[in-house]
Amino acid sequence: MLKRLKRDKSDRAFNKGYQVGLSGRSRDICPHQEPDLRQSWLSGWREGRVDNWEGMTGISGLHRMYNFSHSYSADLL
């Protein structure tokens, strides 16, 4: 049985921030105090806000987030 790899904390923070930004919510709700995780979350939030402004909501926004996750993981290899 294959073990499922746990994603990096900064990757998860980015994705959560992206979801919040895409939904149009405020960056003030960032849950992280640690500088690296906070920066990842805010970067995701910024990307999500841009996509929100460009009308990439719903499925198109989810596809974009999926591409972020996989391109980020490929960079680590």
PDB file of N, CA and C in Angstrom:
ATOM      1  N   MET A   1       0.839  -1.174   0.000  1.00  0.00           N
ATOM      2  CA  MET A   1       0.000   0.000   0.000  1.00  0.00           C
ATOM      3  C   MET A   1       0.894   1.250   0.000  1.00  0.00           C
ATOM      4  N   LEU A   2       0.593   2.183  -0.849  1.00  0.00           N
ATOM      5  CA  LEU A   2       1.393   3.399  -0.940  1.00  0.00           C
ATOM      6  C   LEU A   2       1.024   4.383   0.140  1.00  0.00           C
ATOM      7  N   LYS A   3       2.040   4.966   0.723  1.00  0.00           N
ATOM      8  CA  LYS A   3       1.780   6.024   1.693  1.00  0.00           C
ATOM      9  C   LYS A   3       1.536   7.322   0.948  1.00  0.00           C
ATOM     10  N   ARG A   4       0.635   8.071   1.436  1.00  0.00           N
ATOM     11  CA  ARG A   4       0.346   9.360   0.830  1.00  0.00           C
ATOM     12  C   ARG A   4       1.321  10.380   1.402  1.00  0.00           C
ATOM     13  N   LEU A   5       1.996  11.093   0.527  1.00  0.00           N
ATOM     14  CA  LEU A   5       2.953  12.081   0.986  1.00  0.00           C
ATOM     15  C   LEU A   5       2.235  13.289   1.562  1.00  0.00           C
ATOM     16  N   LYS A   6       2.698  13.726   2.700  1.00  0.00           N
ATOM     17  CA  LYS A   6       2.112  14.906   3.312  1.00  0.00           C
ATOM     18  C   LYS A   6       2.724  16.134   2.660  1.00  0.00           C
ATOM     19  N   ARG A   7       1.878  17.041   2.254  1.00  0.00           N
ATOM     20  CA  ARG A   7       2.382  18.240   1.599  1.00  0.00           C
ATOM     21  C   ARG A   7       3.116  19.126   2.590  1.00  0.00           C
ATOM     22  N   ASP A   8       4.009  19.885   2.071  1.00  0.00           N
ATOM     23  CA  ASP A   8       4.780  20.841   2.850  1.00  0.00           C
ATOM     24  C   ASP A   8       3.834  21.855   3.506  1.00  0.00           C
ATOM     25  N   LYS A   9       4.161  22.281   4.727  1.00  0.00           N
ATOM     26  CA  LYS A   9       3.313  23.240   5.433  1.00  0.00           C
ATOM     27  C   LYS A   9       3.184  24.554   4.676  1.00  0.00           C
ATOM     28  N   SER A  10       4.248  24.996   4.042  1.00  0.00           N
ATOM     29  CA  SER A  10       4.172  26.255   3.306  1.00  0.00           C
ATOM     30  C   SER A  10       3.291  26.106   2.065  1.00  0.00           C
ATOM     31  N   ASP A  11       3.288  24.923   1.456  1.00  0.00           N
ATOM     32  CA  ASP A  11       2.413  24.658   0.311  1.00  0.00           C
ATOM     33  C   ASP A  11       0.952  24.680   0.748  1.00  0.00           C
ATOM     34  N   ARG A  12       0.676  24.070   1.883  1.00  0.00           N
ATOM     35  CA  ARG A  12      -0.694  24.077   2.396  1.00  0.00           C
ATOM     36  C   ARG A  12      -1.116  25.491   2.772  1.00  0.00           C
ATOM     37  N   ALA A  13      -0.218  26.269   3.367  1.00  0.00           N
ATOM     38  CA  ALA A  13      -0.540  27.645   3.733  1.00  0.00           C
ATOM     39  C   ALA A  13      -0.848  28.470   2.489  1.00  0.00           C
ATOM     40  N   PHE A  14      -0.044  28.298   1.430  1.00  0.00           N
ATOM     41  CA  PHE A  14      -0.277  29.002   0.175  1.00  0.00           C
ATOM     42  C   PHE A  14      -1.659  28.660  -0.374  1.00  0.00           C
ATOM     43  N   ASN A  15      -1.993  27.370  -0.411  1.00  0.00           N
ATOM     44  CA  ASN A  15      -3.277  26.938  -0.953  1.00  0.00           C
ATOM     45  C   ASN A  15      -4.452  27.472  -0.148  1.00  0.00           C
ATOM     46  N   LYS A  16      -4.329  27.465   1.175  1.00  0.00           N
ATOM     47  CA  LYS A  16      -5.403  28.008   2.010  1.00  0.00           C
ATOM     48  C   LYS A  16      -5.541  29.508   1.788  1.00  0.00           C
ATOM     49  N   GLY A  17      -4.421  30.214   1.700  1.00  0.00           N
ATOM     50  CA  GLY A  17      -4.456  31.648   1.429  1.00  0.00           C
ATOM     51  C   GLY A  17      -5.070  31.944   0.081  1.00  0.00           C
ATOM     52  N   TYR A  18      -4.752  31.104  -0.906  1.00  0.00           N
ATOM     53  CA  TYR A  18      -5.318  31.266  -2.247  1.00  0.00           C
ATOM     54  C   TYR A  18      -6.839  31.133  -2.194  1.00  0.00           C
ATOM     55  N   GLN A  19      -7.326  30.141  -1.480  1.00  0.00           N
ATOM     56  CA  GLN A  19      -8.767  29.931  -1.371  1.00  0.00           C
ATOM     57  C   GLN A  19      -9.457  31.130  -0.724  1.00  0.00           C
ATOM     58  N   VAL A  20      -8.832  31.686   0.306  1.00  0.00           N
ATOM     59  CA  VAL A  20      -9.404  32.853   0.987  1.00  0.00           C
ATOM     60  C   VAL A  20      -9.404  34.055   0.047  1.00  0.00           C
ATOM     61  N   GLY A  21      -8.306  34.272  -0.661  1.00  0.00           N
ATOM     62  CA  GLY A  21      -8.228  35.389  -1.600  1.00  0.00           C
ATOM     63  C   GLY A  21      -9.204  35.241  -2.744  1.00  0.00           C
ATOM     64  N   LEU A  22      -9.343  34.037  -3.249  1.00  0.00           N
ATOM     65  CA  LEU A  22     -10.259  33.775  -4.358  1.00  0.00           C
ATOM     66  C   LEU A  22     -11.706  34.037  -3.949  1.00  0.00           C
ATOM     67  N   SER A  23     -12.007  33.790  -2.682  1.00  0.00           N
ATOM     68  CA  SER A  23     -13.373  34.008  -2.211  1.00  0.00           C
ATOM     69  C   SER A  23     -13.636  35.479  -1.875  1.00  0.00           C
ATOM     70  N   GLY A  24     -12.580  36.315  -1.934  1.00  0.00           N
ATOM     71  CA  GLY A  24     -12.762  37.749  -1.718  1.00  0.00           C
ATOM     72  C   GLY A  24     -12.671  38.182  -0.272  1.00  0.00           C
ATOM     73  N   ARG A  25     -12.252  37.282   0.600  1.00  0.00           N
ATOM     74  CA  ARG A  25     -12.167  37.640   2.019  1.00  0.00           C
ATOM     75  C   ARG A  25     -10.869  38.382   2.322  1.00  0.00           C
ATOM     76  N   SER A  26     -10.822  38.989   3.476  1.00  0.00           N
ATOM     77  CA  SER A  26      -9.722  39.858   3.882  1.00  0.00           C
ATOM     78  C   SER A  26      -8.454  39.079   4.236  1.00  0.00           C
ATOM     79  N   ARG A  27      -7.308  39.698   3.976  1.00  0.00           N
ATOM     80  CA  ARG A  27      -6.029  39.082   4.355  1.00  0.00           C
ATOM     81  C   ARG A  27      -5.799  39.145   5.862  1.00  0.00           C
ATOM     82  N   ASP A  28      -6.603  39.930   6.553  1.00  0.00           N
ATOM     83  CA  ASP A  28      -6.466  40.063   8.009  1.00  0.00           C
ATOM     84  C   ASP A  28      -6.803  38.784   8.757  1.00  0.00           C
ATOM     85  N   ILE A  29      -7.396  37.810   8.075  1.00  0.00           N
ATOM     86  CA  ILE A  29      -7.754  36.571   8.763  1.00  0.00           C
ATOM     87  C   ILE A  29      -6.653  35.512   8.649  1.00  0.00           C
ATOM     88  N   CYS A  30      -5.467  35.921   8.233  1.00  0.00           N
ATOM     89  CA  CYS A  30      -4.339  34.984   8.139  1.00  0.00           C
ATOM     90  C   CYS A  30      -4.110  34.335   9.505  1.00  0.00           C
ATOM     91  N   PRO A  31      -4.135  33.004   9.569  1.00  0.00           N
ATOM     92  CA  PRO A  31      -4.017  32.317  10.857  1.00  0.00           C
ATOM     93  C   PRO A  31      -2.574  32.097  11.331  1.00  0.00           C
ATOM     94  N   HIS A  32      -1.591  32.447  10.536  1.00  0.00           N
ATOM     95  CA  HIS A  32      -0.197  32.110  10.847  1.00  0.00           C
ATOM     96  C   HIS A  32       0.552  33.274  11.487  1.00  0.00           C
ATOM     97  N   GLN A  33       1.363  32.942  12.481  1.00  0.00           N
ATOM     98  CA  GLN A  33       2.239  33.918  13.119  1.00  0.00           C
ATOM     99  C   GLN A  33       3.695  33.714  12.689  1.00  0.00           C
ATOM    100  N   GLU A  34       4.047  32.477  12.356  1.00  0.00           N
ATOM    101  CA  GLU A  34       5.406  32.171  11.914  1.00  0.00           C
ATOM    102  C   GLU A  34       5.661  32.875  10.583  1.00  0.00           C
ATOM    103  N   PRO A  35       6.760  33.647  10.478  1.00  0.00           N
ATOM    104  CA  PRO A  35       6.997  34.471   9.280  1.00  0.00           C
ATOM    105  C   PRO A  35       6.963  33.718   7.949  1.00  0.00           C
ATOM    106  N   ASP A  36       7.576  32.540   7.874  1.00  0.00           N
ATOM    107  CA  ASP A  36       7.602  31.807   6.602  1.00  0.00           C
ATOM    108  C   ASP A  36       6.209  31.343   6.177  1.00  0.00           C
ATOM    109  N   LEU A  37       5.452  30.818   7.125  1.00  0.00           N
ATOM    110  CA  LEU A  37       4.099  30.361   6.799  1.00  0.00           C
ATOM    111  C   LEU A  37       3.180  31.539   6.501  1.00  0.00           C
ATOM    112  N   ARG A  38       3.360  32.624   7.237  1.00  0.00           N
ATOM    113  CA  ARG A  38       2.555  33.818   6.989  1.00  0.00           C
ATOM    114  C   ARG A  38       2.829  34.362   5.588  1.00  0.00           C
ATOM    115  N   GLN A  39       4.094  34.371   5.192  1.00  0.00           N
ATOM    116  CA  GLN A  39       4.459  34.856   3.864  1.00  0.00           C
ATOM    117  C   GLN A  39       3.863  33.965   2.776  1.00  0.00           C
ATOM    118  N   SER A  40       3.905  32.651   2.970  1.00  0.00           N
ATOM    119  CA  SER A  40       3.315  31.726   1.999  1.00  0.00           C
ATOM    120  C   SER A  40       1.813  31.935   1.897  1.00  0.00           C
ATOM    121  N   TRP A  41       1.157  32.092   3.046  1.00  0.00           N
ATOM    122  CA  TRP A  41      -0.295  32.300   3.054  1.00  0.00           C
ATOM    123  C   TRP A  41      -0.646  33.600   2.335  1.00  0.00           C
ATOM    124  N   LEU A  42       0.090  34.677   2.635  1.00  0.00           N
ATOM    125  CA  LEU A  42      -0.188  35.964   2.004  1.00  0.00           C
ATOM    126  C   LEU A  42       0.099  35.943   0.503  1.00  0.00           C
ATOM    127  N   SER A  43       1.117  35.204   0.090  1.00  0.00           N
ATOM    128  CA  SER A  43       1.391  35.064  -1.351  1.00  0.00           C
ATOM    129  C   SER A  43       0.229  34.364  -2.044  1.00  0.00           C
ATOM    130  N   GLY A  44      -0.274  33.319  -1.414  1.00  0.00           N
ATOM    131  CA  GLY A  44      -1.440  32.626  -1.957  1.00  0.00           C
ATOM    132  C   GLY A  44      -2.660  33.531  -1.986  1.00  0.00           C
ATOM    133  N   TRP A  45      -2.829  34.315  -0.930  1.00  0.00           N
ATOM    134  CA  TRP A  45      -3.961  35.240  -0.859  1.00  0.00           C
ATOM    135  C   TRP A  45      -3.892  36.249  -2.008  1.00  0.00           C
ATOM    136  N   ARG A  46      -2.693  36.787  -2.265  1.00  0.00           N
ATOM    137  CA  ARG A  46      -2.533  37.753  -3.353  1.00  0.00           C
ATOM    138  C   ARG A  46      -2.885  37.134  -4.707  1.00  0.00           C
ATOM    139  N   GLU A  47      -2.390  35.930  -4.950  1.00  0.00           N
ATOM    140  CA  GLU A  47      -2.708  35.234  -6.204  1.00  0.00           C
ATOM    141  C   GLU A  47      -4.216  35.001  -6.321  1.00  0.00           C
ATOM    142  N   GLY A  48      -4.838  34.617  -5.217  1.00  0.00           N
ATOM    143  CA  GLY A  48      -6.277  34.386  -5.211  1.00  0.00           C
ATOM    144  C   GLY A  48      -7.069  35.654  -5.473  1.00  0.00           C
ATOM    145  N   ARG A  49      -6.621  36.771  -4.913  1.00  0.00           N
ATOM    146  CA  ARG A  49      -7.313  38.047  -5.139  1.00  0.00           C
ATOM    147  C   ARG A  49      -7.206  38.470  -6.598  1.00  0.00           C
ATOM    148  N   VAL A  50      -6.027  38.306  -7.176  1.00  0.00           N
ATOM    149  CA  VAL A  50      -5.847  38.652  -8.588  1.00  0.00           C
ATOM    150  C   VAL A  50      -6.785  37.805  -9.443  1.00  0.00           C
ATOM    151  N   ASP A  51      -6.836  36.509  -9.160  1.00  0.00           N
ATOM    152  CA  ASP A  51      -7.718  35.630  -9.921  1.00  0.00           C
ATOM    153  C   ASP A  51      -9.181  36.000  -9.705  1.00  0.00           C
ATOM    154  N   ASN A  52      -9.516  36.417  -8.494  1.00  0.00           N
ATOM    155  CA  ASN A  52     -10.882  36.860  -8.207  1.00  0.00           C
ATOM    156  C   ASN A  52     -11.218  38.089  -9.039  1.00  0.00           C
ATOM    157  N   TRP A  53     -10.310  39.047  -9.090  1.00  0.00           N
ATOM    158  CA  TRP A  53     -10.530  40.271  -9.861  1.00  0.00           C
ATOM    159  C   TRP A  53     -10.643  39.976 -11.354  1.00  0.00           C
ATOM    160  N   GLU A  54      -9.926  38.944 -11.810  1.00  0.00           N
ATOM    161  CA  GLU A  54      -9.959  38.574 -13.230  1.00  0.00           C
ATOM    162  C   GLU A  54     -11.105  37.627 -13.560  1.00  0.00           C
ATOM    163  N   GLY A  55     -11.934  37.336 -12.573  1.00  0.00           N
ATOM    164  CA  GLY A  55     -13.111  36.511 -12.808  1.00  0.00           C
ATOM    165  C   GLY A  55     -12.862  35.023 -12.797  1.00  0.00           C
ATOM    166  N   MET A  56     -11.725  34.592 -12.288  1.00  0.00           N
ATOM    167  CA  MET A  56     -11.415  33.154 -12.256  1.00  0.00           C
ATOM    168  C   MET A  56     -11.966  32.548 -10.964  1.00  0.00           C
ATOM    169  N   THR A  57     -13.263  32.434 -10.902  1.00  0.00           N
ATOM    170  CA  THR A  57     -13.879  31.834  -9.724  1.00  0.00           C
ATOM    171  C   THR A  57     -14.431  30.472 -10.101  1.00  0.00           C
ATOM    172  N   GLY A  58     -14.829  29.721  -9.128  1.00  0.00           N
ATOM    173  CA  GLY A  58     -15.383  28.390  -9.390  1.00  0.00           C
ATOM    174  C   GLY A  58     -14.325  27.414  -9.861  1.00  0.00           C
ATOM    175  N   ILE A  59     -14.644  26.653 -10.868  1.00  0.00           N
ATOM    176  CA  ILE A  59     -13.766  25.587 -11.363  1.00  0.00           C
ATOM    177  C   ILE A  59     -12.447  26.134 -11.902  1.00  0.00           C
ATOM    178  N   SER A  60     -12.487  27.258 -12.616  1.00  0.00           N
ATOM    179  CA  SER A  60     -11.241  27.789 -13.188  1.00  0.00           C
ATOM    180  C   SER A  60     -10.254  28.173 -12.092  1.00  0.00           C
ATOM    181  N   GLY A  61     -10.750  28.687 -10.977  1.00  0.00           N
ATOM    182  CA  GLY A  61      -9.875  29.014  -9.850  1.00  0.00           C
ATOM    183  C   GLY A  61      -9.288  27.767  -9.220  1.00  0.00           C
ATOM    184  N   LEU A  62     -10.090  26.713  -9.119  1.00  0.00           N
ATOM    185  CA  LEU A  62      -9.589  25.463  -8.550  1.00  0.00           C
ATOM    186  C   LEU A  62      -8.532  24.832  -9.448  1.00  0.00           C
ATOM    187  N   HIS A  63      -8.732  24.909 -10.751  1.00  0.00           N
ATOM    188  CA  HIS A  63      -7.729  24.383 -11.678  1.00  0.00           C
ATOM    189  C   HIS A  63      -6.419  25.143 -11.530  1.00  0.00           C
ATOM    190  N   ARG A  64      -6.510  26.434 -11.376  1.00  0.00           N
ATOM    191  CA  ARG A  64      -5.299  27.245 -11.202  1.00  0.00           C
ATOM    192  C   ARG A  64      -4.577  26.863  -9.909  1.00  0.00           C
ATOM    193  N   MET A  65      -5.313  26.662  -8.827  1.00  0.00           N
ATOM    194  CA  MET A  65      -4.699  26.272  -7.561  1.00  0.00           C
ATOM    195  C   MET A  65      -4.040  24.908  -7.707  1.00  0.00           C
ATOM    196  N   TYR A  66      -4.680  23.991  -8.420  1.00  0.00           N
ATOM    197  CA  TYR A  66      -4.112  22.670  -8.661  1.00  0.00           C
ATOM    198  C   TYR A  66      -2.783  22.794  -9.403  1.00  0.00           C
ATOM    199  N   ASN A  67      -2.716  23.683 -10.369  1.00  0.00           N
ATOM    200  CA  ASN A  67      -1.480  23.894 -11.118  1.00  0.00           C
ATOM    201  C   ASN A  67      -0.397  24.505 -10.248  1.00  0.00           C
ATOM    202  N   PHE A  68      -0.762  25.397  -9.314  1.00  0.00           N
ATOM    203  CA  PHE A  68       0.219  25.958  -8.387  1.00  0.00           C
ATOM    204  C   PHE A  68       0.849  24.846  -7.565  1.00  0.00           C
ATOM    205  N   SER A  69       0.012  23.963  -7.031  1.00  0.00           N
ATOM    206  CA  SER A  69       0.501  22.891  -6.164  1.00  0.00           C
ATOM    207  C   SER A  69       1.477  21.989  -6.898  1.00  0.00           C
ATOM    208  N   HIS A  70       1.130  21.634  -8.124  1.00  0.00           N
ATOM    209  CA  HIS A  70       1.987  20.714  -8.860  1.00  0.00           C
ATOM    210  C   HIS A  70       3.237  21.389  -9.402  1.00  0.00           C
ATOM    211  N   SER A  71       3.170  22.637  -9.763  1.00  0.00           N
ATOM    212  CA  SER A  71       4.379  23.311 -10.242  1.00  0.00           C
ATOM    213  C   SER A  71       5.318  23.560  -9.069  1.00  0.00           C
ATOM    214  N   TYR A  72       4.757  23.855  -7.901  1.00  0.00           N
ATOM    215  CA  TYR A  72       5.574  24.076  -6.714  1.00  0.00           C
ATOM    216  C   TYR A  72       6.276  22.793  -6.331  1.00  0.00           C
ATOM    217  N   SER A  73       5.554  21.679  -6.352  1.00  0.00           N
ATOM    218  CA  SER A  73       6.145  20.388  -6.006  1.00  0.00           C
ATOM    219  C   SER A  73       7.231  19.986  -6.996  1.00  0.00           C
ATOM    220  N   ALA A  74       7.028  20.279  -8.277  1.00  0.00           N
ATOM    221  CA  ALA A  74       8.015  19.929  -9.303  1.00  0.00           C
ATOM    222  C   ALA A  74       9.299  20.737  -9.109  1.00  0.00           C
ATOM    223  N   ASP A  75       9.168  21.980  -8.617  1.00  0.00           N
ATOM    224  CA  ASP A  75      10.345  22.797  -8.378  1.00  0.00           C
ATOM    225  C   ASP A  75      11.222  22.223  -7.276  1.00  0.00           C
ATOM    226  N   LEU A  76      10.612  21.503  -6.352  1.00  0.00           N
ATOM    227  CA  LEU A  76      11.360  20.936  -5.233  1.00  0.00           C
ATOM    228  C   LEU A  76      12.164  19.719  -5.650  1.00  0.00           C
ATOM    229  N   LEU A  77      11.774  19.065  -6.721  1.00  0.00           N
ATOM    230  CA  LEU A  77      12.453  17.836  -7.154  1.00  0.00           C
ATOM    231  C   LEU A  77      13.748  18.100  -7.843  1.00  0.00           C
TER     232      LEU A  77
END
